[in-house]
Amino acid sequence: MSNKEINIRVPVLARVEGEGALELDISHGKIDNLKLNIFEPPRLFEKFLEGRHFTEVSDIVARICGICPVAYQMSAVHAFEDLFEVNPGPWVRDMRRLFYCGEWIESHALHIHLLAAPDFLGYESAPAMAKDYPKEVRRGIELQNVGNEIVKLLGGRSVHPVGVKVGGFYHAPSASEVSELLAKLKRLLPSVEELLPWTASLNLPQDEQDFTSVALRHSSEYPMNEGRIDSSDGLNLGVKSFSQHFAEHHEPHSTALHCLLDGKPYLVGPLARVNLNFDRLPMDIKVAALATGIKFPSNNMFNSIVARAIEILFAFHQSIEILDKYTQPQKPFVDVKAKAGIAYGCTEAPRGILWHRYEVDNDGVITQARIVPPTSQNQARMEEDLKNSLTNFGLDNAEEKIQFRAEQLIRNYDPCISCATHFLDLRIIR
């Protein structure tokens, strides 16, 4: 064991969404201090929502994240529809699943090719990687673009979409729009099928850890919009019961709240979803995943890039299936009548479960809002992972190697820092 002291400060984390930093102190072969500093200013979106009519919420929450607006919209509209006892019907349900597929495809493709792959292939950035891997980088951009096109088809635009409403959509795509997009998806499918074995072939560190996976679990399908909250420790509860087991708290070094499950860190996101729902994947995708030699459930966080590839393949197949049977409805939404109460919604953002709670008055006006995003749920797990992983890696390594492994591990979670800083628990003592 080395007696040397190492103090690592990463003032700006590269290749993540948002602004964060890492503080790491090592003394006598042990980590004395480790803080994932999220210093991006709080955005106070919950307060923005108070006093707004429920019909405005989906457009406002879409602005929380440019990468995952669909998740914010879907958690909100599902919450209100549950409270108002609205069933939009099978057409809207299918289109929402398609909408979600678009977001998963664009988000996962961006992360795999432009944010994570350079780490595993030894490049400092995606542009540097593109010189030697032009085909792979081009594939990532093409997949991200087609994911955005799916979002735009239903949302009117790919960033901060405006086509969503409680009860359905404002607009139904035309048959010609659907046909054009369907042809593009089928053309890109062979390159998507190459993605899974490619991610599994990367130089992924072997770093098994003990952690709890949390995700939605549906009775018959791979979860996106609907399901109960499940965990690898046997938790199974309805969305309304989230607060009975999950609690947020404020850490001084972070403007993002930390969320714990019964007082302990836990994992949400693609690896947690695949771990808990591998049996819900179609057989051909399960066979393709098993052919990589990586077994799920997996306790190696570095296998999350493979989980993302599995979900891209699933989302492509699901999108093609939905668009193949597309019919244009007479009306793309059902009418909604507001009533007072508490609305709860939870869907699977690319980075994990996204839980919403709204208090609504008789006029449909929001009196209180609470949003728990995936990155704040993963933050305690990220810090725990950093301690365990860096210790396993070897604290006697050179500082630059320790710093690289730490940054690689953080990027592995694909944290959406801006999403997490929506709220700050502020206490003033005078």
Protein backbone atom coordinates (compact mmCIF):
# COMPACT_ATOMS: atom_id res chain seq x y z
CA MET A 1 0.00 0.00 0.00
CA SER A 2 1.39 3.38 -0.99
CA ASN A 3 1.57 6.25 1.51
CA LYS A 4 1.49 8.90 -1.21
CA GLU A 5 -1.25 11.47 -1.25
CA ILE A 6 -3.15 12.16 -4.47
CA ASN A 7 -5.49 15.10 -4.97
CA ILE A 8 -7.38 15.05 -8.27
CA ARG A 9 -9.58 17.91 -9.37
CA VAL A 10 -11.50 17.65 -12.64
CA PRO A 11 -12.99 21.16 -12.95
CA VAL A 12 -15.14 20.33 -16.01
CA LEU A 13 -16.26 16.83 -16.94
CA ALA A 14 -15.97 16.34 -20.70
CA ARG A 15 -18.45 14.51 -22.94
CA VAL A 16 -21.43 14.67 -20.58
CA GLU A 17 -24.62 16.72 -20.87
CA GLY A 18 -24.37 19.71 -18.54
CA GLU A 19 -21.74 21.05 -16.17
CA GLY A 20 -20.14 19.04 -13.39
CA ALA A 21 -16.81 18.38 -11.71
CA LEU A 22 -15.03 15.67 -9.72
CA GLU A 23 -13.14 16.05 -6.45
CA LEU A 24 -10.98 13.09 -5.34
CA ASP A 25 -8.49 12.82 -2.46
CA ILE A 26 -6.45 9.67 -1.82
CA SER A 27 -4.30 9.17 1.27
CA HIS A 28 -2.48 6.05 2.54
CA GLY A 29 -4.05 3.88 -0.15
CA LYS A 30 -7.62 4.87 0.67
CA ILE A 31 -10.12 7.36 -0.73
CA ASP A 32 -10.65 10.04 1.90
CA ASN A 33 -12.89 12.33 -0.11
CA LEU A 34 -14.91 11.79 -3.28
CA LYS A 35 -17.51 14.25 -4.50
CA LEU A 36 -19.27 14.38 -7.83
CA ASN A 37 -19.85 18.12 -7.86
CA ILE A 38 -22.91 19.18 -9.82
CA PHE A 39 -22.62 22.95 -9.76
CA GLU A 40 -24.93 23.88 -12.63
CA PRO A 41 -27.44 26.41 -11.26
CA PRO A 42 -30.84 25.08 -10.13
CA ARG A 43 -33.51 25.58 -12.78
CA LEU A 44 -36.59 25.55 -10.54
CA PHE A 45 -38.90 23.94 -13.09
CA GLU A 46 -41.33 22.75 -10.43
CA LYS A 47 -41.94 26.35 -9.39
CA PHE A 48 -42.47 27.36 -13.03
CA LEU A 49 -45.27 24.80 -13.22
CA GLU A 50 -47.22 26.09 -10.22
CA GLY A 51 -50.17 28.17 -11.34
CA ARG A 52 -50.12 26.71 -14.86
CA HIS A 53 -53.02 24.85 -16.44
CA PHE A 54 -52.49 21.13 -16.99
CA THR A 55 -52.70 21.68 -20.76
CA GLU A 56 -49.52 23.79 -20.61
CA VAL A 57 -47.40 21.32 -18.68
CA SER A 58 -46.30 19.03 -21.52
CA ASP A 59 -44.83 21.93 -23.49
CA ILE A 60 -43.07 23.37 -20.43
CA VAL A 61 -41.48 20.14 -19.17
CA ALA A 62 -40.20 19.37 -22.70
CA ARG A 63 -37.80 22.28 -22.15
CA ILE A 64 -36.12 20.54 -19.22
CA CYS A 65 -34.01 18.45 -21.58
CA GLY A 66 -33.13 18.76 -25.26
CA ILE A 67 -32.15 15.07 -25.42
CA CYS A 68 -35.04 13.53 -23.48
CA PRO A 69 -38.10 15.80 -23.91
CA VAL A 70 -40.37 12.85 -24.74
CA ALA A 71 -39.84 11.25 -21.33
CA TYR A 72 -40.80 14.45 -19.53
CA GLN A 73 -43.90 14.87 -21.66
CA MET A 74 -44.99 11.26 -21.31
CA SER A 75 -44.60 11.14 -17.50
CA ALA A 76 -46.70 14.31 -17.28
CA VAL A 77 -49.53 13.29 -19.62
CA HIS A 78 -49.74 9.82 -18.10
CA ALA A 79 -50.05 11.40 -14.66
CA PHE A 80 -52.94 13.65 -15.70
CA GLU A 81 -54.72 10.92 -17.65
CA ASP A 82 -54.57 8.64 -14.64
CA LEU A 83 -56.06 11.32 -12.41
CA PHE A 84 -58.71 12.37 -14.95
CA GLU A 85 -59.56 8.71 -15.73
CA VAL A 86 -58.81 9.09 -19.44
CA ASN A 87 -58.04 6.20 -21.79
CA PRO A 88 -56.78 7.61 -25.13
CA GLY A 89 -57.12 4.23 -26.85
CA PRO A 90 -54.81 1.87 -28.78
CA TRP A 91 -53.79 4.29 -31.57
CA VAL A 92 -52.45 6.87 -29.11
CA ARG A 93 -50.77 4.14 -27.06
CA ASP A 94 -48.94 2.81 -30.13
CA MET A 95 -47.90 6.29 -31.25
CA ARG A 96 -46.56 7.11 -27.80
CA ARG A 97 -44.51 3.95 -27.85
CA LEU A 98 -43.17 4.95 -31.28
CA PHE A 99 -42.47 8.45 -29.94
CA TYR A 100 -40.48 6.91 -27.11
CA CYS A 101 -38.56 4.65 -29.51
CA GLY A 102 -37.36 7.74 -31.35
CA GLU A 103 -35.98 9.23 -28.15
CA TRP A 104 -34.25 6.03 -27.08
CA ILE A 105 -32.66 5.67 -30.53
CA GLU A 106 -31.31 9.23 -30.73
CA SER A 107 -30.14 9.36 -27.11
CA HIS A 108 -28.47 5.93 -27.04
CA ALA A 109 -26.87 6.43 -30.46
CA LEU A 110 -25.40 9.75 -29.38
CA HIS A 111 -24.01 8.28 -26.18
CA ILE A 112 -22.58 5.09 -27.69
CA HIS A 113 -20.81 6.65 -30.67
CA LEU A 114 -19.88 10.17 -29.62
CA LEU A 115 -19.56 10.11 -25.82
CA ALA A 116 -18.60 6.59 -24.68
CA ALA A 117 -16.86 4.83 -27.59
CA PRO A 118 -13.84 7.19 -27.63
CA ASP A 119 -13.07 6.04 -24.06
CA PHE A 120 -12.99 2.37 -25.01
CA LEU A 121 -11.09 2.92 -28.25
CA GLY A 122 -8.44 5.25 -26.82
CA TYR A 123 -9.43 8.62 -28.27
CA GLU A 124 -9.91 11.94 -26.54
CA SER A 125 -12.95 12.85 -28.62
CA ALA A 126 -15.35 11.64 -31.29
CA PRO A 127 -13.74 13.82 -34.03
CA ALA A 128 -10.37 12.23 -33.25
CA MET A 129 -11.98 8.77 -33.35
CA ALA A 130 -13.64 9.56 -36.69
CA LYS A 131 -10.28 9.59 -38.47
CA ASP A 132 -9.86 5.86 -37.83
CA TYR A 133 -13.51 4.85 -37.40
CA PRO A 134 -15.42 6.94 -39.96
CA LYS A 135 -18.03 4.24 -40.59
CA GLU A 136 -18.88 3.91 -36.90
CA VAL A 137 -19.13 7.65 -36.28
CA ARG A 138 -21.25 8.06 -39.41
CA ARG A 139 -23.52 5.27 -38.17
CA GLY A 140 -23.97 7.05 -34.85
CA ILE A 141 -24.94 10.30 -36.54
CA GLU A 142 -27.35 8.52 -38.92
CA LEU A 143 -29.05 6.70 -36.05
CA GLN A 144 -29.32 9.85 -33.98
CA ASN A 145 -30.86 11.65 -36.97
CA VAL A 146 -33.45 8.96 -37.65
CA GLY A 147 -34.38 8.89 -33.96
CA ASN A 148 -34.93 12.64 -34.17
CA GLU A 149 -37.08 12.13 -37.28
CA ILE A 150 -39.37 9.78 -35.35
CA VAL A 151 -39.74 12.37 -32.59
CA LYS A 152 -40.45 15.08 -35.18
CA LEU A 153 -43.06 12.91 -36.92
CA LEU A 154 -45.31 13.08 -33.86
CA GLY A 155 -43.91 16.06 -31.98
CA GLY A 156 -43.71 18.61 -34.80
CA ARG A 157 -40.01 19.10 -34.18
CA SER A 158 -37.21 16.93 -32.81
CA VAL A 159 -36.06 19.24 -30.00
CA HIS A 160 -38.63 20.39 -27.42
CA PRO A 161 -41.54 18.82 -29.38
CA VAL A 162 -44.94 20.53 -29.25
CA GLY A 163 -47.23 17.85 -30.69
CA VAL A 164 -48.16 16.21 -27.39
CA LYS A 165 -51.32 16.86 -25.40
CA VAL A 166 -53.17 15.18 -22.55
CA GLY A 167 -55.41 12.72 -24.36
CA GLY A 168 -53.15 12.12 -27.39
CA PHE A 169 -51.49 14.23 -30.07
CA TYR A 170 -52.44 17.45 -31.83
CA HIS A 171 -51.60 16.01 -35.24
CA ALA A 172 -51.63 12.59 -36.90
CA PRO A 173 -48.86 11.90 -39.44
CA SER A 174 -49.89 11.35 -43.05
CA ALA A 175 -49.49 8.00 -44.78
CA SER A 176 -46.78 9.43 -47.02
CA GLU A 177 -44.75 10.72 -44.04
CA VAL A 178 -44.99 7.32 -42.37
CA SER A 179 -44.03 5.47 -45.57
CA GLU A 180 -40.94 7.62 -46.08
CA LEU A 181 -39.74 7.14 -42.49
CA LEU A 182 -40.48 3.40 -42.55
CA ALA A 183 -38.32 2.96 -45.64
CA LYS A 184 -35.45 4.78 -43.92
CA LEU A 185 -35.71 2.60 -40.81
CA LYS A 186 -35.65 -0.59 -42.88
CA ARG A 187 -32.64 0.67 -44.83
CA LEU A 188 -30.72 1.37 -41.60
CA LEU A 189 -31.68 -1.89 -39.87
CA PRO A 190 -28.58 -3.86 -41.05
CA SER A 191 -26.25 -1.27 -39.52
CA VAL A 192 -28.26 -1.41 -36.28
CA GLU A 193 -27.84 -5.18 -36.21
CA GLU A 194 -24.05 -4.65 -36.42
CA LEU A 195 -24.12 -2.35 -33.40
CA LEU A 196 -24.73 -4.96 -30.71
CA PRO A 197 -21.75 -7.23 -31.48
CA TRP A 198 -19.59 -4.13 -32.04
CA THR A 199 -20.26 -2.70 -28.58
CA ALA A 200 -19.66 -6.11 -26.99
CA SER A 201 -16.30 -6.35 -28.78
CA LEU A 202 -15.00 -3.11 -27.25
CA ASN A 203 -12.36 -3.23 -24.53
CA LEU A 204 -14.84 -3.06 -21.67
CA PRO A 205 -13.29 -3.19 -18.16
CA GLN A 206 -14.29 -6.15 -16.02
CA ASP A 207 -15.59 -4.58 -12.83
CA GLU A 208 -18.27 -6.59 -11.05
CA GLN A 209 -20.07 -4.81 -8.21
CA ASP A 210 -23.05 -5.44 -5.99
CA PHE A 211 -25.84 -2.93 -6.69
CA THR A 212 -29.61 -2.75 -6.84
CA SER A 213 -31.27 -2.29 -10.23
CA VAL A 214 -34.57 -0.37 -10.41
CA ALA A 215 -36.83 -0.10 -13.47
CA LEU A 216 -40.43 -0.33 -14.58
CA ARG A 217 -41.78 -3.82 -15.11
CA HIS A 218 -44.76 -4.48 -17.39
CA SER A 219 -46.82 -7.65 -17.39
CA SER A 220 -46.23 -8.47 -21.05
CA GLU A 221 -43.89 -6.01 -22.81
CA TYR A 222 -40.54 -4.31 -22.52
CA PRO A 223 -41.28 -1.21 -20.41
CA MET A 224 -41.36 2.34 -21.73
CA ASN A 225 -44.52 4.24 -20.75
CA GLU A 226 -46.19 1.87 -18.33
CA GLY A 227 -45.51 -0.59 -15.53
CA ARG A 228 -44.89 -1.05 -11.84
CA ILE A 229 -41.64 -0.06 -10.16
CA ASP A 230 -39.48 -3.16 -9.71
CA SER A 231 -36.09 -3.80 -8.17
CA SER A 232 -33.56 -6.62 -8.18
CA ASP A 233 -34.08 -6.83 -4.39
CA GLY A 234 -37.73 -7.81 -4.79
CA LEU A 235 -39.42 -4.41 -4.63
CA ASN A 236 -42.67 -4.24 -6.57
CA LEU A 237 -44.89 -1.23 -6.11
CA GLY A 238 -47.27 1.02 -7.94
CA VAL A 239 -46.14 4.40 -9.24
CA LYS A 240 -48.19 6.21 -6.58
CA SER A 241 -46.20 4.50 -3.80
CA PHE A 242 -42.80 5.81 -4.96
CA SER A 243 -42.35 8.11 -1.94
CA GLN A 244 -42.85 5.24 0.50
CA HIS A 245 -39.44 3.83 -0.42
CA PHE A 246 -37.57 6.51 -2.38
CA ALA A 247 -36.41 9.70 -0.67
CA GLU A 248 -34.45 12.70 -1.97
CA HIS A 249 -31.98 14.69 0.10
CA HIS A 250 -29.63 17.58 -0.49
CA GLU A 251 -25.83 17.18 -0.39
CA PRO A 252 -23.83 20.41 0.06
CA HIS A 253 -21.57 19.70 -2.92
CA SER A 254 -24.42 19.26 -5.42
CA THR A 255 -27.28 21.34 -6.80
CA ALA A 256 -28.88 18.04 -7.77
CA LEU A 257 -30.77 16.15 -5.10
CA HIS A 258 -29.62 12.62 -4.24
CA CYS A 259 -32.34 9.96 -4.20
CA LEU A 260 -32.02 6.77 -2.13
CA LEU A 261 -34.06 3.56 -2.04
CA ASP A 262 -34.73 2.66 1.59
CA GLY A 263 -31.64 4.67 2.50
CA LYS A 264 -29.31 3.08 -0.07
CA PRO A 265 -28.00 3.96 -3.56
CA TYR A 266 -29.52 2.23 -6.57
CA LEU A 267 -29.17 2.09 -10.36
CA VAL A 268 -31.66 3.21 -12.99
CA GLY A 269 -31.19 3.28 -16.76
CA PRO A 270 -30.58 0.87 -19.65
CA LEU A 271 -28.53 -1.70 -17.72
CA ALA A 272 -31.09 -1.77 -14.90
CA ARG A 273 -33.92 -2.15 -17.46
CA VAL A 274 -32.21 -5.01 -19.29
CA ASN A 275 -31.30 -6.67 -15.99
CA LEU A 276 -34.93 -6.67 -14.84
CA ASN A 277 -36.68 -7.13 -18.20
CA PHE A 278 -34.46 -9.33 -20.35
CA ASP A 279 -37.28 -11.87 -20.53
CA ARG A 280 -39.58 -9.20 -22.01
CA LEU A 281 -37.39 -8.71 -25.09
CA PRO A 282 -38.45 -10.40 -28.37
CA MET A 283 -36.78 -13.77 -28.93
CA ASP A 284 -34.60 -12.66 -31.86
CA ILE A 285 -33.17 -9.80 -29.80
CA LYS A 286 -32.53 -12.10 -26.83
CA VAL A 287 -30.69 -14.48 -29.15
CA ALA A 288 -28.58 -11.62 -30.55
CA ALA A 289 -27.76 -10.43 -27.03
CA LEU A 290 -26.80 -13.91 -25.83
CA ALA A 291 -24.55 -14.36 -28.89
CA THR A 292 -22.30 -11.56 -27.57
CA GLY A 293 -21.27 -13.76 -24.64
CA ILE A 294 -22.36 -11.11 -22.12
CA LYS A 295 -24.88 -12.46 -19.64
CA PHE A 296 -27.76 -10.46 -18.22
CA PRO A 297 -28.48 -9.61 -15.49
CA SER A 298 -25.02 -8.06 -15.30
CA ASN A 299 -23.31 -6.42 -12.33
CA ASN A 300 -20.66 -4.77 -14.52
CA MET A 301 -21.67 -1.16 -15.15
CA PHE A 302 -19.40 -1.05 -18.21
CA ASN A 303 -21.85 -3.42 -19.89
CA SER A 304 -24.34 -0.55 -20.01
CA ILE A 305 -23.08 0.38 -23.49
CA VAL A 306 -24.17 -3.10 -24.63
CA ALA A 307 -27.54 -2.62 -22.91
CA ARG A 308 -27.98 0.59 -24.90
CA ALA A 309 -27.24 -1.29 -28.12
CA ILE A 310 -29.85 -3.90 -27.16
CA GLU A 311 -32.41 -1.15 -26.63
CA ILE A 312 -31.61 0.54 -29.95
CA LEU A 313 -32.16 -2.77 -31.73
CA PHE A 314 -35.41 -3.27 -29.82
CA ALA A 315 -36.59 0.29 -30.56
CA PHE A 316 -35.87 -0.16 -34.29
CA HIS A 317 -37.86 -3.39 -34.46
CA GLN A 318 -40.68 -1.85 -32.44
CA SER A 319 -40.78 1.28 -34.63
CA ILE A 320 -40.91 -0.76 -37.84
CA GLU A 321 -43.67 -2.97 -36.42
CA ILE A 322 -45.79 0.04 -35.39
CA LEU A 323 -45.28 1.94 -38.65
CA ASP A 324 -45.95 -1.18 -40.77
CA LYS A 325 -49.52 -1.31 -39.46
CA TYR A 326 -50.08 2.46 -39.30
CA THR A 327 -53.53 3.83 -40.05
CA GLN A 328 -54.48 7.48 -39.87
CA PRO A 329 -57.21 8.09 -37.26
CA GLN A 330 -60.16 10.42 -37.62
CA LYS A 331 -59.03 12.20 -34.46
CA PRO A 332 -55.58 11.81 -32.82
CA PHE A 333 -56.76 12.57 -29.28
CA VAL A 334 -59.67 12.14 -26.90
CA ASP A 335 -61.32 14.97 -25.00
CA VAL A 336 -60.29 15.49 -21.38
CA LYS A 337 -62.12 16.98 -18.41
CA ALA A 338 -60.05 18.06 -15.43
CA LYS A 339 -60.77 17.30 -11.79
CA ALA A 340 -58.98 18.00 -8.53
CA GLY A 341 -56.57 15.51 -7.04
CA ILE A 342 -53.00 14.24 -7.08
CA ALA A 343 -51.58 13.00 -10.39
CA TYR A 344 -48.73 10.47 -10.56
CA GLY A 345 -46.77 9.37 -13.61
CA CYS A 346 -43.60 7.37 -14.22
CA THR A 347 -42.01 6.37 -17.53
CA GLU A 348 -38.58 5.16 -18.67
CA ALA A 349 -36.38 7.97 -19.96
CA PRO A 350 -33.26 6.74 -21.79
CA ARG A 351 -31.35 7.20 -18.52
CA GLY A 352 -33.95 5.59 -16.24
CA ILE A 353 -37.26 6.08 -14.46
CA LEU A 354 -38.66 9.62 -14.46
CA TRP A 355 -41.29 10.17 -11.75
CA HIS A 356 -43.79 13.06 -11.68
CA ARG A 357 -46.30 14.16 -9.06
CA TYR A 358 -48.76 17.04 -9.50
CA GLU A 359 -51.41 18.49 -7.21
CA VAL A 360 -54.27 19.83 -9.34
CA ASP A 361 -57.28 21.97 -8.39
CA ASN A 362 -60.83 21.80 -9.78
CA ASP A 363 -59.95 24.12 -12.66
CA GLY A 364 -57.04 21.93 -13.76
CA VAL A 365 -54.41 24.34 -12.40
CA ILE A 366 -51.20 22.95 -10.89
CA THR A 367 -50.80 23.91 -7.23
CA GLN A 368 -47.69 21.82 -6.57
CA ALA A 369 -45.25 19.83 -8.73
CA ARG A 370 -42.44 17.40 -8.02
CA ILE A 371 -40.16 15.78 -10.60
CA VAL A 372 -37.52 13.14 -9.80
CA PRO A 373 -35.20 12.70 -12.83
CA PRO A 374 -32.90 9.71 -13.48
CA THR A 375 -29.55 11.44 -12.95
CA SER A 376 -30.42 12.56 -9.41
CA GLN A 377 -31.44 8.94 -8.73
CA ASN A 378 -28.12 7.66 -10.08
CA GLN A 379 -25.88 10.21 -8.39
CA ALA A 380 -25.38 8.30 -5.13
CA ARG A 381 -24.76 5.11 -7.13
CA MET A 382 -22.18 6.97 -9.28
CA GLU A 383 -20.28 8.09 -6.20
CA GLU A 384 -20.45 4.60 -4.68
CA ASP A 385 -19.31 3.12 -7.99
CA LEU A 386 -16.39 5.54 -8.20
CA LYS A 387 -15.16 4.51 -4.75
CA ASN A 388 -15.47 0.80 -5.45
CA SER A 389 -14.23 0.88 -9.04
CA LEU A 390 -11.20 3.09 -8.40
CA THR A 391 -10.22 0.95 -5.41
CA ASN A 392 -10.49 -2.18 -7.56
CA PHE A 393 -8.58 -0.44 -10.36
CA GLY A 394 -5.71 0.33 -7.98
CA LEU A 395 -5.11 3.59 -6.14
CA ASP A 396 -1.35 3.19 -6.66
CA ASN A 397 -1.78 3.85 -10.37
CA ALA A 398 -0.53 7.11 -11.85
CA GLU A 399 -2.78 10.11 -11.29
CA GLU A 400 -3.62 10.49 -14.99
CA LYS A 401 -4.75 6.84 -15.15
CA ILE A 402 -6.93 7.20 -12.06
CA GLN A 403 -8.43 10.40 -13.45
CA PHE A 404 -9.16 8.79 -16.82
CA ARG A 405 -10.85 5.78 -15.20
CA ALA A 406 -12.96 8.09 -13.03
CA GLU A 407 -14.09 10.20 -15.99
CA GLN A 408 -14.72 7.07 -18.07
CA LEU A 409 -16.90 5.66 -15.32
CA ILE A 410 -18.95 8.85 -14.98
CA ARG A 411 -19.52 9.01 -18.75
CA ASN A 412 -20.58 5.37 -18.57
CA TYR A 413 -23.71 6.52 -16.71
CA ASP A 414 -24.42 9.13 -19.41
CA PRO A 415 -25.48 11.64 -16.73
CA CYS A 416 -27.85 14.37 -17.85
CA ILE A 417 -26.71 17.00 -15.39
CA SER A 418 -29.04 19.78 -16.57
CA CYS A 419 -32.03 17.48 -15.99
CA ALA A 420 -30.91 16.83 -12.42
CA THR A 421 -30.57 20.47 -11.39
CA HIS A 422 -34.24 21.29 -11.70
CA PHE A 423 -34.65 21.79 -7.96
CA LEU A 424 -32.68 22.87 -4.92
CA ASP A 425 -33.72 22.25 -1.33
CA LEU A 426 -33.03 25.77 -0.05
CA ARG A 427 -33.03 26.52 3.69
CA ILE A 428 -32.35 30.03 4.97
CA ILE A 429 -31.44 30.61 8.61
CA ARG A 430 -31.33 34.21 9.76
